[in-house]
Amino acid sequence: MADLLREGKRIPVFTAKTVKGAPFSYQSLLRKKRIVVLALAKNPGTGDNGRAWLKTARDAADELRKRDMEIVIIAENPAQIAETAELPAPPFVVLHDENRSLLDKMGGAPAFYLVGKDTGIKQATRACPTLSALFRQIDAMPMRRQEMRERES
């Protein structure tokens, strides 16, 4: 398995098609959203493949939106995500990576990346963190703290 991209680095800019065939540009989210890139393994038995995390995230869509988050799911076989039809859009985008070119650029699957509004990778892991841990990490970020102060005033 390829190495994960490192924290502090950037995910290479890419374009792809959503499962519905619409064009998607990763660059269009940069500096506007906090991005989770979730690379799903083809076989469910391959470590933490993110499906359970997606179910929890779906139920927390309002909290994701509140934090200006977009969840970009890259799957070799999107049919493996039974919840795809139930994911609210936004903040969820499901990309079909039939030839694995994106998955290979992401260091293979499974992979979880949190990208800040400054475009740097803040977290890179093979297993998905709990949403509460993810929200704590985001809420401690300087840009997020500034946003919270501005919304209070």
C-alpha atoms as a PDB file:
ATOM      1  CA  MET A   1       0.000   0.000   0.000  1.00  0.00           C
ATOM      2  CA  ALA A   2       1.250   3.488  -0.846  1.00  0.00           C
ATOM      3  CA  ASP A   3       2.148   5.963   1.875  1.00  0.00           C
ATOM      4  CA  LEU A   4      -0.383   8.500   3.080  1.00  0.00           C
ATOM      5  CA  LEU A   5       0.155  12.105   2.106  1.00  0.00           C
ATOM      6  CA  ARG A   6       1.790  13.913   5.019  1.00  0.00           C
ATOM      7  CA  GLU A   7       0.266  16.452   7.345  1.00  0.00           C
ATOM      8  CA  GLY A   8       1.296  19.975   6.378  1.00  0.00           C
ATOM      9  CA  LYS A   9       1.443  19.045   2.687  1.00  0.00           C
ATOM     10  CA  ARG A  10      -1.307  19.615   0.124  1.00  0.00           C
ATOM     11  CA  ILE A  11      -3.544  17.201  -1.722  1.00  0.00           C
ATOM     12  CA  PRO A  12      -2.828  17.465  -5.450  1.00  0.00           C
ATOM     13  CA  VAL A  13      -5.526  19.448  -7.273  1.00  0.00           C
ATOM     14  CA  PHE A  14      -7.793  17.174  -9.315  1.00  0.00           C
ATOM     15  CA  THR A  15     -10.997  17.050 -11.298  1.00  0.00           C
ATOM     16  CA  ALA A  16     -13.333  14.078 -11.501  1.00  0.00           C
ATOM     17  CA  LYS A  17     -16.915  13.059 -12.165  1.00  0.00           C
ATOM     18  CA  THR A  18     -19.446  12.582  -9.421  1.00  0.00           C
ATOM     19  CA  VAL A  19     -21.412   9.342  -9.342  1.00  0.00           C
ATOM     20  CA  LYS A  20     -24.181  11.234 -11.133  1.00  0.00           C
ATOM     21  CA  GLY A  21     -21.772  12.259 -13.918  1.00  0.00           C
ATOM     22  CA  ALA A  22     -21.445  15.925 -12.961  1.00  0.00           C
ATOM     23  CA  PRO A  23     -17.990  17.528 -13.152  1.00  0.00           C
ATOM     24  CA  PHE A  24     -16.252  18.170  -9.838  1.00  0.00           C
ATOM     25  CA  SER A  25     -13.210  20.344  -9.192  1.00  0.00           C
ATOM     26  CA  TYR A  26     -11.348  19.955  -5.900  1.00  0.00           C
ATOM     27  CA  GLN A  27      -9.835  23.374  -6.483  1.00  0.00           C
ATOM     28  CA  SER A  28     -13.306  24.968  -6.332  1.00  0.00           C
ATOM     29  CA  LEU A  29     -13.454  24.124  -2.605  1.00  0.00           C
ATOM     30  CA  LEU A  30      -9.998  25.365  -1.655  1.00  0.00           C
ATOM     31  CA  ARG A  31      -9.909  28.352   0.719  1.00  0.00           C
ATOM     32  CA  LYS A  32     -13.731  28.264   0.906  1.00  0.00           C
ATOM     33  CA  LYS A  33     -14.343  25.006   2.783  1.00  0.00           C
ATOM     34  CA  ARG A  34     -12.705  22.669   5.237  1.00  0.00           C
ATOM     35  CA  ILE A  35     -12.468  19.448   3.296  1.00  0.00           C
ATOM     36  CA  VAL A  36     -12.497  15.841   4.379  1.00  0.00           C
ATOM     37  CA  VAL A  37     -11.226  13.554   1.646  1.00  0.00           C
ATOM     38  CA  LEU A  38     -12.297  10.009   2.380  1.00  0.00           C
ATOM     39  CA  ALA A  39     -10.744   7.349   0.132  1.00  0.00           C
ATOM     40  CA  LEU A  40     -12.720   4.137   0.448  1.00  0.00           C
ATOM     41  CA  ALA A  41     -11.270   0.676   0.020  1.00  0.00           C
ATOM     42  CA  LYS A  42     -13.011  -1.525  -2.523  1.00  0.00           C
ATOM     43  CA  ASN A  43     -13.302  -4.454  -0.139  1.00  0.00           C
ATOM     44  CA  PRO A  44     -15.157  -3.786   3.123  1.00  0.00           C
ATOM     45  CA  GLY A  45     -12.734  -6.043   5.003  1.00  0.00           C
ATOM     46  CA  THR A  46      -9.816  -3.671   4.345  1.00  0.00           C
ATOM     47  CA  GLY A  47      -9.371  -1.887   7.659  1.00  0.00           C
ATOM     48  CA  ASP A  48     -11.633   1.018   8.560  1.00  0.00           C
ATOM     49  CA  ASN A  49     -13.210   1.683   5.200  1.00  0.00           C
ATOM     50  CA  GLY A  50     -15.232   4.703   6.316  1.00  0.00           C
ATOM     51  CA  ARG A  51     -18.759   3.391   5.789  1.00  0.00           C
ATOM     52  CA  ALA A  52     -19.672   3.505   9.490  1.00  0.00           C
ATOM     53  CA  TRP A  53     -18.162   6.998   9.723  1.00  0.00           C
ATOM     54  CA  LEU A  54     -20.287   8.136   6.777  1.00  0.00           C
ATOM     55  CA  LYS A  55     -23.464   6.992   8.506  1.00  0.00           C
ATOM     56  CA  THR A  56     -22.558   9.042  11.566  1.00  0.00           C
ATOM     57  CA  ALA A  57     -21.517  12.036   9.443  1.00  0.00           C
ATOM     58  CA  ARG A  58     -24.786  11.918   7.517  1.00  0.00           C
ATOM     59  CA  ASP A  59     -26.655  12.356  10.787  1.00  0.00           C
ATOM     60  CA  ALA A  60     -24.399  15.313  11.679  1.00  0.00           C
ATOM     61  CA  ALA A  61     -24.734  17.136   8.339  1.00  0.00           C
ATOM     62  CA  ASP A  62     -25.900  20.347  10.042  1.00  0.00           C
ATOM     63  CA  GLU A  63     -22.790  20.373  12.261  1.00  0.00           C
ATOM     64  CA  LEU A  64     -20.610  19.807   9.189  1.00  0.00           C
ATOM     65  CA  ARG A  65     -22.249  22.716   7.377  1.00  0.00           C
ATOM     66  CA  LYS A  66     -21.865  24.934  10.447  1.00  0.00           C
ATOM     67  CA  ARG A  67     -18.098  24.342  10.235  1.00  0.00           C
ATOM     68  CA  ASP A  68     -17.986  25.027   6.466  1.00  0.00           C
ATOM     69  CA  MET A  69     -17.084  21.410   5.719  1.00  0.00           C
ATOM     70  CA  GLU A  70     -17.333  19.424   2.510  1.00  0.00           C
ATOM     71  CA  ILE A  71     -16.906  15.638   2.536  1.00  0.00           C
ATOM     72  CA  VAL A  72     -15.352  14.345  -0.695  1.00  0.00           C
ATOM     73  CA  ILE A  73     -15.688  10.576  -0.955  1.00  0.00           C
ATOM     74  CA  ILE A  74     -13.544   8.775  -3.508  1.00  0.00           C
ATOM     75  CA  ALA A  75     -14.645   5.240  -4.284  1.00  0.00           C
ATOM     76  CA  GLU A  76     -13.503   2.748  -6.866  1.00  0.00           C
ATOM     77  CA  ASN A  77     -16.980   1.269  -6.791  1.00  0.00           C
ATOM     78  CA  PRO A  78     -19.555   3.808  -5.508  1.00  0.00           C
ATOM     79  CA  ALA A  79     -22.219   1.102  -5.400  1.00  0.00           C
ATOM     80  CA  GLN A  80     -20.342  -0.160  -2.344  1.00  0.00           C
ATOM     81  CA  ILE A  81     -21.703   2.861  -0.476  1.00  0.00           C
ATOM     82  CA  ALA A  82     -25.291   1.838   0.099  1.00  0.00           C
ATOM     83  CA  GLU A  83     -25.941   5.197   1.751  1.00  0.00           C
ATOM     84  CA  THR A  84     -24.924   7.235  -1.328  1.00  0.00           C
ATOM     85  CA  ALA A  85     -28.524   8.022  -2.227  1.00  0.00           C
ATOM     86  CA  GLU A  86     -29.162   9.110   1.364  1.00  0.00           C
ATOM     87  CA  LEU A  87     -26.173  11.459   1.705  1.00  0.00           C
ATOM     88  CA  PRO A  88     -27.263  15.097   1.739  1.00  0.00           C
ATOM     89  CA  ALA A  89     -25.569  17.203  -0.891  1.00  0.00           C
ATOM     90  CA  PRO A  90     -23.873  19.375   0.124  1.00  0.00           C
ATOM     91  CA  PRO A  91     -21.819  18.699   2.228  1.00  0.00           C
ATOM     92  CA  PHE A  92     -21.243  15.284   0.608  1.00  0.00           C
ATOM     93  CA  VAL A  93     -19.772  14.642  -2.842  1.00  0.00           C
ATOM     94  CA  VAL A  94     -19.219  11.077  -4.044  1.00  0.00           C
ATOM     95  CA  LEU A  95     -16.669  10.582  -6.820  1.00  0.00           C
ATOM     96  CA  HIS A  96     -16.277   7.478  -8.953  1.00  0.00           C
ATOM     97  CA  ASP A  97     -12.632   6.482  -9.427  1.00  0.00           C
ATOM     98  CA  GLU A  98     -13.010   3.452 -11.663  1.00  0.00           C
ATOM     99  CA  ASN A  99      -9.351   3.342 -12.750  1.00  0.00           C
ATOM    100  CA  ARG A 100      -7.992   4.178  -9.244  1.00  0.00           C
ATOM    101  CA  SER A 101      -6.029   7.207 -10.443  1.00  0.00           C
ATOM    102  CA  LEU A 102      -7.333   9.404  -7.602  1.00  0.00           C
ATOM    103  CA  LEU A 103      -7.000   6.685  -4.996  1.00  0.00           C
ATOM    104  CA  ASP A 104      -3.379   6.190  -6.018  1.00  0.00           C
ATOM    105  CA  LYS A 105      -2.713   9.960  -5.733  1.00  0.00           C
ATOM    106  CA  MET A 106      -4.236   9.858  -2.238  1.00  0.00           C
ATOM    107  CA  GLY A 107      -1.870   7.160  -1.025  1.00  0.00           C
ATOM    108  CA  GLY A 108      -4.303   4.302  -1.471  1.00  0.00           C
ATOM    109  CA  ALA A 109      -7.351   3.356   0.537  1.00  0.00           C
ATOM    110  CA  PRO A 110      -8.578   3.488   3.138  1.00  0.00           C
ATOM    111  CA  ALA A 111      -7.455   7.045   3.857  1.00  0.00           C
ATOM    112  CA  PHE A 112      -8.879  10.019   5.744  1.00  0.00           C
ATOM    113  CA  TYR A 113      -7.588  13.543   5.198  1.00  0.00           C
ATOM    114  CA  LEU A 114      -8.717  16.757   6.851  1.00  0.00           C
ATOM    115  CA  VAL A 115      -7.759  19.817   4.809  1.00  0.00           C
ATOM    116  CA  GLY A 116      -8.010  23.269   6.357  1.00  0.00           C
ATOM    117  CA  LYS A 117      -9.097  26.452   4.637  1.00  0.00           C
ATOM    118  CA  ASP A 118      -5.404  27.289   4.286  1.00  0.00           C
ATOM    119  CA  THR A 119      -5.281  24.216   1.927  1.00  0.00           C
ATOM    120  CA  GLY A 120      -2.862  22.232   4.118  1.00  0.00           C
ATOM    121  CA  ILE A 121      -3.494  18.689   5.344  1.00  0.00           C
ATOM    122  CA  LYS A 122      -4.285  18.895   9.074  1.00  0.00           C
ATOM    123  CA  GLN A 123      -4.833  15.183   9.643  1.00  0.00           C
ATOM    124  CA  ALA A 124      -3.903  12.110   7.612  1.00  0.00           C
ATOM    125  CA  THR A 125      -4.871   8.650   8.874  1.00  0.00           C
ATOM    126  CA  ARG A 126      -5.981   5.237   7.688  1.00  0.00           C
ATOM    127  CA  ALA A 127      -8.839   5.180  10.217  1.00  0.00           C
ATOM    128  CA  CYS A 128     -11.588   7.772  10.528  1.00  0.00           C
ATOM    129  CA  PRO A 129     -11.612   9.818  13.735  1.00  0.00           C
ATOM    130  CA  THR A 130     -14.783  10.175  15.739  1.00  0.00           C
ATOM    131  CA  LEU A 131     -16.853  13.174  14.758  1.00  0.00           C
ATOM    132  CA  SER A 132     -16.480  14.657  18.236  1.00  0.00           C
ATOM    133  CA  ALA A 133     -12.666  14.487  17.944  1.00  0.00           C
ATOM    134  CA  LEU A 134     -12.832  15.944  14.432  1.00  0.00           C
ATOM    135  CA  PHE A 135     -15.076  18.808  15.576  1.00  0.00           C
ATOM    136  CA  ARG A 136     -12.758  19.545  18.519  1.00  0.00           C
ATOM    137  CA  GLN A 137      -9.775  19.684  16.164  1.00  0.00           C
ATOM    138  CA  ILE A 138     -11.580  22.007  13.761  1.00  0.00           C
ATOM    139  CA  ASP A 139     -12.969  24.227  16.510  1.00  0.00           C
ATOM    140  CA  ALA A 140      -9.421  24.720  17.835  1.00  0.00           C
ATOM    141  CA  MET A 141      -8.133  25.947  14.458  1.00  0.00           C
ATOM    142  CA  PRO A 142      -7.330  29.677  14.396  1.00  0.00           C
ATOM    143  CA  MET A 143      -9.511  30.411  11.350  1.00  0.00           C
ATOM    144  CA  ARG A 144     -12.467  28.573  12.880  1.00  0.00           C
ATOM    145  CA  ARG A 145     -12.059  30.390  16.190  1.00  0.00           C
ATOM    146  CA  GLN A 146     -12.072  33.706  14.319  1.00  0.00           C
ATOM    147  CA  GLU A 147     -15.234  32.656  12.448  1.00  0.00           C
ATOM    148  CA  MET A 148     -16.948  31.774  15.728  1.00  0.00           C
ATOM    149  CA  ARG A 149     -16.019  35.161  17.238  1.00  0.00           C
ATOM    150  CA  GLU A 150     -17.336  36.972  14.151  1.00  0.00           C
ATOM    151  CA  ARG A 151     -20.626  35.070  14.233  1.00  0.00           C
ATOM    152  CA  GLU A 152     -21.093  35.930  17.915  1.00  0.00           C
ATOM    153  CA  SER A 153     -20.790  39.662  17.275  1.00  0.00           C
END
